[in-house]
Amino acid sequence: MSLNYELSHIKDYKTICHLDGETKRITTAIIFSGLSTDVGALNKKTLPIAWSRYVIWCRIYELDLEFSYKDMENHLGLYTNVIFIKSDNTWMKRVVGNKLQRIRSEYHEN
């Protein structure tokens, strides 16, 4: 399944999301962060969920943050076809479970 997105509902999206006809790196990173956060639409209600999950994801996988809270806030109105998982417990179980599997597979050769 492809990742589809819509930017036109973002306030001043032509300036926020594009530079010289190309999608900005930060916009692309925010779009793809939905895959790790399981938040498909950014709005005032989902912003704190998306941001906190993004930070946790980066810490669990030892990644640097690619954008700031303000960057994400500037993208309110972004829509993707990512299915929103409402429960943080369900999301954490998936994320931590995947990380556990990766760690175990690194140290256990079949």
Protein backbone atom coordinates (compact mmCIF):
# COMPACT_ATOMS: atom_id res chain seq x y z
CA MET A 1 0.00 0.00 0.00
CA SER A 2 1.37 3.41 -0.94
CA LEU A 3 1.59 6.36 1.42
CA ASN A 4 -0.72 9.09 0.14
CA TYR A 5 -0.82 12.60 1.53
CA GLU A 6 -2.61 15.91 1.10
CA LEU A 7 -0.93 19.24 1.88
CA SER A 8 -3.51 21.73 0.64
CA HIS A 9 -5.24 22.05 4.04
CA ILE A 10 -2.05 23.31 5.68
CA LYS A 11 -2.15 27.06 6.23
CA ASP A 12 0.18 28.72 3.70
CA TYR A 13 1.21 25.27 2.44
CA LYS A 14 2.95 26.63 -0.65
CA THR A 15 5.47 28.40 1.60
CA ILE A 16 5.54 25.90 4.48
CA CYS A 17 5.87 22.75 2.37
CA HIS A 18 7.61 23.72 -0.88
CA LEU A 19 10.82 25.36 -2.01
CA ASP A 20 11.55 25.90 -5.70
CA GLY A 21 8.77 23.51 -6.68
CA GLU A 22 10.10 20.69 -4.50
CA THR A 23 8.70 19.36 -1.24
CA LYS A 24 10.87 20.49 1.66
CA ARG A 25 12.85 17.87 3.57
CA ILE A 26 11.06 18.73 6.83
CA THR A 27 7.66 18.27 5.18
CA THR A 28 8.72 14.89 3.80
CA ALA A 29 10.02 13.84 7.23
CA ILE A 30 6.73 14.86 8.88
CA ILE A 31 4.73 12.99 6.25
CA PHE A 32 6.72 9.80 6.82
CA SER A 33 6.68 10.21 10.61
CA GLY A 34 3.01 9.25 10.43
CA LEU A 35 4.12 5.70 9.67
CA SER A 36 5.97 5.49 12.98
CA THR A 37 3.43 7.44 15.04
CA ASP A 38 0.28 5.91 13.54
CA VAL A 39 -1.21 9.40 13.27
CA GLY A 40 -2.58 10.00 9.79
CA ALA A 41 -3.94 13.53 10.15
CA LEU A 42 -2.36 16.44 11.98
CA ASN A 43 -4.77 18.74 13.76
CA LYS A 44 -4.91 20.48 17.14
CA LYS A 45 -6.22 17.34 18.80
CA THR A 46 -3.69 14.89 17.31
CA LEU A 47 -0.61 17.17 17.42
CA PRO A 48 0.37 16.31 21.03
CA ILE A 49 -0.13 12.60 20.30
CA ALA A 50 1.91 12.73 17.09
CA TRP A 51 4.72 14.76 18.67
CA SER A 52 5.07 12.64 21.80
CA ARG A 53 5.01 9.41 19.79
CA TYR A 54 7.59 10.80 17.37
CA VAL A 55 9.95 11.72 20.22
CA ILE A 56 9.51 8.32 21.86
CA TRP A 57 10.06 6.56 18.52
CA CYS A 58 13.30 8.47 17.95
CA ARG A 59 14.54 7.68 21.45
CA ILE A 60 13.70 3.99 21.24
CA TYR A 61 15.43 3.65 17.86
CA GLU A 62 18.28 6.01 18.84
CA LEU A 63 17.53 8.49 16.05
CA ASP A 64 18.01 12.24 15.97
CA LEU A 65 14.88 14.36 15.73
CA GLU A 66 14.54 15.51 12.11
CA PHE A 67 12.16 18.36 12.93
CA SER A 68 10.88 20.37 15.87
CA TYR A 69 7.51 20.61 17.57
CA LYS A 70 7.06 23.98 15.85
CA ASP A 71 7.76 22.39 12.46
CA MET A 72 5.08 19.79 13.12
CA GLU A 73 2.69 22.45 14.39
CA ASN A 74 3.24 24.42 11.17
CA HIS A 75 1.95 21.36 9.28
CA LEU A 76 -1.47 21.26 10.95
CA GLY A 77 -3.90 20.20 8.25
CA LEU A 78 -1.60 17.52 6.82
CA TYR A 79 -3.52 14.40 5.92
CA THR A 80 -2.12 10.95 5.08
CA ASN A 81 -3.73 7.58 4.61
CA VAL A 82 -2.03 6.21 7.75
CA ILE A 83 -4.55 4.50 10.02
CA PHE A 84 -4.77 6.30 13.37
CA ILE A 85 -4.25 4.11 16.42
CA LYS A 86 -5.98 5.93 19.27
CA SER A 87 -4.61 3.88 22.14
CA ASP A 88 -1.10 4.78 23.25
CA ASN A 89 -0.90 1.33 24.86
CA THR A 90 -1.57 -0.39 21.54
CA TRP A 91 0.95 1.88 19.81
CA MET A 92 3.61 1.29 22.50
CA LYS A 93 3.08 -2.46 22.37
CA ARG A 94 3.74 -2.41 18.61
CA VAL A 95 6.78 -0.14 18.83
CA VAL A 96 8.43 -1.79 21.81
CA GLY A 97 7.57 -5.25 20.49
CA ASN A 98 9.30 -4.46 17.18
CA LYS A 99 12.35 -3.13 19.00
CA LEU A 100 12.52 -6.22 21.21
CA GLN A 101 12.41 -8.45 18.14
CA ARG A 102 15.23 -6.51 16.50
CA ILE A 103 17.42 -6.70 19.59
CA ARG A 104 16.77 -10.42 20.02
CA SER A 105 17.52 -11.15 16.39
CA GLU A 106 20.83 -9.28 16.64
CA TYR A 107 22.06 -11.55 19.43
CA HIS A 108 20.46 -14.83 18.52
CA GLU A 109 21.63 -16.43 15.32
CA ASN A 110 19.48 -19.18 13.88
